[in-house]
Amino acid sequence: MPNHQPVRIDVVSDVVCPWCFIGKRRLEKAIALNPDIPVEVHYRPYFLNDWIPREGIAREQYLTTKFGSPERYNGIAQRVRAAAAFEGLTYAVDKISRQPNTLDAHRLIRWADAIGKAPAMKQRLMDLYFTQGADLTNRDVLVKAAADVGLDAEQVRSALAGDKDVAEVESEALSAKEAGIQGVPCFILGGKFAISGAQAPEDLAEAIARLSESADAAE
């Protein structure tokens, strides 16, 4: 088996971005298409809606502010739901009643990364939001999600009540926008190439393979 160097993939995304939900699954499929190429996936914060207050707002208010009305979002929602279903995901848009601020969700992902569980934390939060319609500003929901992936519930509850890593998450998210990232998901391969959007698994797999080959050739 070829002795490839690991390919680092930084995924800039938000847990309430439906195309990030789909893009994560497509990336996983892309990685599976290249079983001989090791990868290191890191999740980076992004605020799709940085204007939403920490307590969140009603979903209807959000859709009205962003799209003009909930009805005007229906067409987009149907396309996203179909794309999600094709990837084996459920986008239960009718269950979502609150639009959260995602600062605390990104803090959980950061803390889960310390125990190698960032992908699981990210998936758990997105499943809760998109499939179950859970409120990601609800402290109990977040603590339970953290415990589900192996974090200590009481430690998480205490940390969420304070400002631990708030400045770090906000700074990292701001840096992404200052670097020119205007749409997510954005996949940064090897710190060199950025691929924007929930691309097809085959296209992502090809990009990963090309980067791996160029890295091997440079050795």
Protein backbone atom coordinates (compact mmCIF):
# COMPACT_ATOMS: atom_id res chain seq x y z
CA MET A 1 0.00 0.00 0.00
CA PRO A 2 1.40 3.44 -0.90
CA ASN A 3 2.92 5.33 2.02
CA HIS A 4 1.03 8.59 1.51
CA GLN A 5 1.51 11.55 3.80
CA PRO A 6 -1.75 12.53 5.53
CA VAL A 7 -3.74 15.18 3.72
CA ARG A 8 -4.96 17.90 6.04
CA ILE A 9 -8.52 19.04 5.35
CA ASP A 10 -9.85 22.09 7.17
CA VAL A 11 -13.62 22.31 6.89
CA VAL A 12 -14.96 25.82 7.45
CA SER A 13 -18.68 25.48 8.11
CA ASP A 14 -21.62 26.19 10.39
CA VAL A 15 -23.89 23.67 12.08
CA VAL A 16 -27.06 25.41 10.84
CA CYS A 17 -25.95 25.55 7.21
CA PRO A 18 -27.90 22.87 5.32
CA TRP A 19 -25.27 22.59 2.59
CA CYS A 20 -22.65 22.06 5.32
CA PHE A 21 -24.81 19.19 6.60
CA ILE A 22 -24.78 17.70 3.12
CA GLY A 23 -21.16 18.65 2.47
CA LYS A 24 -19.92 16.77 5.54
CA ARG A 25 -21.53 13.57 4.28
CA ARG A 26 -20.09 14.10 0.80
CA LEU A 27 -16.63 14.63 2.24
CA GLU A 28 -16.93 11.37 4.17
CA LYS A 29 -17.89 9.60 0.96
CA ALA A 30 -14.94 11.22 -0.82
CA ILE A 31 -12.54 10.01 1.87
CA ALA A 32 -13.97 6.50 1.52
CA LEU A 33 -13.22 6.60 -2.24
CA ASN A 34 -9.51 6.98 -1.41
CA PRO A 35 -9.01 4.33 1.29
CA ASP A 36 -5.22 4.33 0.87
CA ILE A 37 -4.86 8.07 1.48
CA PRO A 38 -4.83 9.09 5.15
CA VAL A 39 -6.49 12.38 5.98
CA GLU A 40 -6.68 14.69 8.97
CA VAL A 41 -10.00 16.53 9.12
CA HIS A 42 -10.35 19.64 11.25
CA TYR A 43 -13.58 21.62 11.67
CA ARG A 44 -13.35 25.40 11.73
CA PRO A 45 -16.10 27.76 12.93
CA TYR A 46 -18.13 30.03 10.70
CA PHE A 47 -21.16 32.13 11.52
CA LEU A 48 -23.63 31.90 8.68
CA ASN A 49 -25.89 34.35 10.52
CA ASP A 50 -23.68 36.40 12.80
CA TRP A 51 -26.51 38.88 13.44
CA ILE A 52 -28.60 36.44 15.45
CA PRO A 53 -28.48 37.11 19.24
CA ARG A 54 -27.08 34.53 21.64
CA GLU A 55 -30.57 33.43 22.69
CA GLY A 56 -31.64 32.78 19.09
CA ILE A 57 -34.83 33.90 17.39
CA ALA A 58 -38.01 32.33 16.10
CA ARG A 59 -37.51 30.45 12.84
CA GLU A 60 -40.36 32.40 11.21
CA GLN A 61 -38.69 35.69 12.11
CA TYR A 62 -35.40 34.44 10.69
CA LEU A 63 -36.93 33.31 7.39
CA THR A 64 -38.79 36.58 7.06
CA THR A 65 -35.65 38.62 7.72
CA LYS A 66 -33.41 36.60 5.41
CA PHE A 67 -35.75 35.54 2.62
CA GLY A 68 -38.71 37.92 2.85
CA SER A 69 -41.13 35.32 4.20
CA PRO A 70 -41.21 31.64 5.20
CA GLU A 71 -43.08 30.88 1.98
CA ARG A 72 -40.28 32.28 -0.15
CA TYR A 73 -37.92 29.75 1.42
CA ASN A 74 -40.11 26.79 0.50
CA GLY A 75 -38.61 26.29 -2.95
CA ILE A 76 -35.07 26.34 -1.59
CA ALA A 77 -36.06 23.99 1.21
CA GLN A 78 -37.43 21.40 -1.19
CA ARG A 79 -34.21 21.37 -3.22
CA VAL A 80 -32.11 21.04 -0.10
CA ARG A 81 -34.35 18.30 1.28
CA ALA A 82 -33.97 16.31 -1.93
CA ALA A 83 -30.18 16.73 -1.96
CA ALA A 84 -29.99 15.67 1.69
CA ALA A 85 -32.17 12.61 1.06
CA PHE A 86 -29.90 11.57 -1.81
CA GLU A 87 -27.02 11.49 0.70
CA GLY A 88 -29.06 9.50 3.23
CA LEU A 89 -29.81 12.51 5.43
CA THR A 90 -33.11 13.91 6.69
CA TYR A 91 -33.75 17.64 6.45
CA ALA A 92 -36.96 17.98 8.46
CA VAL A 93 -37.39 21.69 7.83
CA ASP A 94 -40.92 21.76 9.26
CA LYS A 95 -39.63 20.68 12.69
CA ILE A 96 -37.31 23.68 13.10
CA SER A 97 -38.94 26.36 15.24
CA ARG A 98 -35.90 28.27 16.52
CA GLN A 99 -32.95 29.73 14.63
CA PRO A 100 -29.97 29.59 17.00
CA ASN A 101 -26.84 31.57 17.41
CA THR A 102 -24.15 28.91 16.94
CA LEU A 103 -21.34 30.23 19.13
CA ASP A 104 -21.94 27.61 21.83
CA ALA A 105 -22.25 24.84 19.25
CA HIS A 106 -18.83 25.78 17.88
CA ARG A 107 -17.44 25.79 21.41
CA LEU A 108 -18.66 22.21 21.84
CA ILE A 109 -16.95 21.16 18.61
CA ARG A 110 -13.74 22.79 19.80
CA TRP A 111 -13.90 20.95 23.13
CA ALA A 112 -14.73 17.65 21.44
CA ASP A 113 -11.69 18.06 19.20
CA ALA A 114 -9.52 17.72 22.30
CA ILE A 115 -10.66 14.09 22.64
CA GLY A 116 -10.73 13.36 18.91
CA LYS A 117 -14.51 13.60 18.70
CA ALA A 118 -15.01 16.81 16.69
CA PRO A 119 -16.60 14.99 13.69
CA ALA A 120 -19.01 13.15 15.99
CA MET A 121 -19.89 16.36 17.84
CA LYS A 122 -20.46 18.20 14.58
CA GLN A 123 -22.69 15.41 13.27
CA ARG A 124 -24.65 15.15 16.50
CA LEU A 125 -25.43 18.87 16.53
CA MET A 126 -26.46 18.91 12.88
CA ASP A 127 -28.63 15.81 13.30
CA LEU A 128 -30.33 17.44 16.28
CA TYR A 129 -31.00 20.63 14.37
CA PHE A 130 -31.86 19.44 10.88
CA THR A 131 -33.50 16.11 11.63
CA GLN A 132 -35.07 16.61 15.05
CA GLY A 133 -35.62 20.37 15.05
CA ALA A 134 -33.83 20.78 18.38
CA ASP A 135 -33.04 24.24 19.74
CA LEU A 136 -29.25 24.59 19.79
CA THR A 137 -29.44 27.54 22.17
CA ASN A 138 -31.02 25.32 24.83
CA ARG A 139 -28.33 24.57 27.42
CA ASP A 140 -29.78 21.15 28.27
CA VAL A 141 -29.81 20.14 24.59
CA LEU A 142 -26.16 21.13 24.21
CA VAL A 143 -25.04 19.37 27.38
CA LYS A 144 -26.84 16.17 26.40
CA ALA A 145 -25.28 16.33 22.91
CA ALA A 146 -21.83 16.74 24.43
CA ALA A 147 -22.38 13.80 26.76
CA ASP A 148 -23.56 11.69 23.83
CA VAL A 149 -20.13 11.94 22.21
CA GLY A 150 -18.12 11.39 25.37
CA LEU A 151 -17.61 14.80 26.98
CA ASP A 152 -18.24 15.22 30.69
CA ALA A 153 -21.72 16.69 31.08
CA GLU A 154 -21.09 18.72 34.22
CA GLN A 155 -17.82 20.13 32.93
CA VAL A 156 -19.54 21.18 29.73
CA ARG A 157 -22.45 22.75 31.60
CA SER A 158 -20.04 24.76 33.73
CA ALA A 159 -17.96 25.83 30.71
CA LEU A 160 -21.03 26.89 28.74
CA ALA A 161 -22.09 29.12 31.63
CA GLY A 162 -18.83 31.04 31.31
CA ASP A 163 -16.79 32.56 28.50
CA LYS A 164 -14.36 29.72 27.88
CA ASP A 165 -13.12 29.86 24.25
CA VAL A 166 -15.70 32.48 23.24
CA ALA A 167 -13.02 34.90 22.07
CA GLU A 168 -11.10 32.14 20.29
CA VAL A 169 -14.14 30.90 18.34
CA GLU A 170 -15.22 34.42 17.42
CA SER A 171 -11.69 35.30 16.28
CA GLU A 172 -11.35 32.18 14.17
CA ALA A 173 -14.73 32.73 12.52
CA LEU A 174 -13.85 36.35 11.80
CA SER A 175 -10.51 35.31 10.33
CA ALA A 176 -12.30 33.02 7.88
CA LYS A 177 -14.39 35.91 6.59
CA GLU A 178 -11.38 38.22 6.46
CA ALA A 179 -9.60 35.56 4.40
CA GLY A 180 -12.37 35.88 1.82
CA ILE A 181 -14.56 32.91 2.69
CA GLN A 182 -18.07 34.11 1.91
CA GLY A 183 -19.85 30.80 1.47
CA VAL A 184 -19.72 27.50 3.31
CA PRO A 185 -18.87 24.71 3.40
CA CYS A 186 -15.35 25.55 2.34
CA PHE A 187 -12.79 22.75 2.22
CA ILE A 188 -9.17 23.85 2.53
CA LEU A 189 -6.82 21.10 1.38
CA GLY A 190 -3.31 21.05 2.73
CA GLY A 191 -3.54 24.71 3.62
CA LYS A 192 -3.14 25.46 -0.09
CA PHE A 193 -6.34 24.93 -2.06
CA ALA A 194 -9.88 25.95 -1.18
CA ILE A 195 -12.95 24.23 -2.58
CA SER A 196 -16.19 26.05 -1.92
CA GLY A 197 -19.60 24.41 -1.76
CA ALA A 198 -20.96 20.92 -1.13
CA GLN A 199 -19.14 19.37 -4.06
CA ALA A 200 -19.76 15.85 -5.34
CA PRO A 201 -17.80 13.12 -3.52
CA GLU A 202 -16.00 12.17 -6.73
CA ASP A 203 -14.73 15.70 -7.26
CA LEU A 204 -13.54 16.01 -3.67
CA ALA A 205 -11.89 12.61 -3.88
CA GLU A 206 -10.04 13.63 -7.04
CA ALA A 207 -8.79 16.83 -5.39
CA ILE A 208 -7.59 14.90 -2.33
CA ALA A 209 -5.77 12.39 -4.54
CA ARG A 210 -4.08 15.10 -6.58
CA LEU A 211 -2.86 16.89 -3.47
CA SER A 212 -1.60 13.64 -1.97
CA GLU A 213 0.29 12.78 -5.17
CA SER A 214 1.89 16.23 -5.36
CA ALA A 215 2.96 16.01 -1.72
CA ASP A 216 4.51 12.59 -2.29
CA ALA A 217 6.32 13.83 -5.40
CA ALA A 218 7.77 16.76 -3.49
CA GLU A 219 9.47 14.50 -0.93
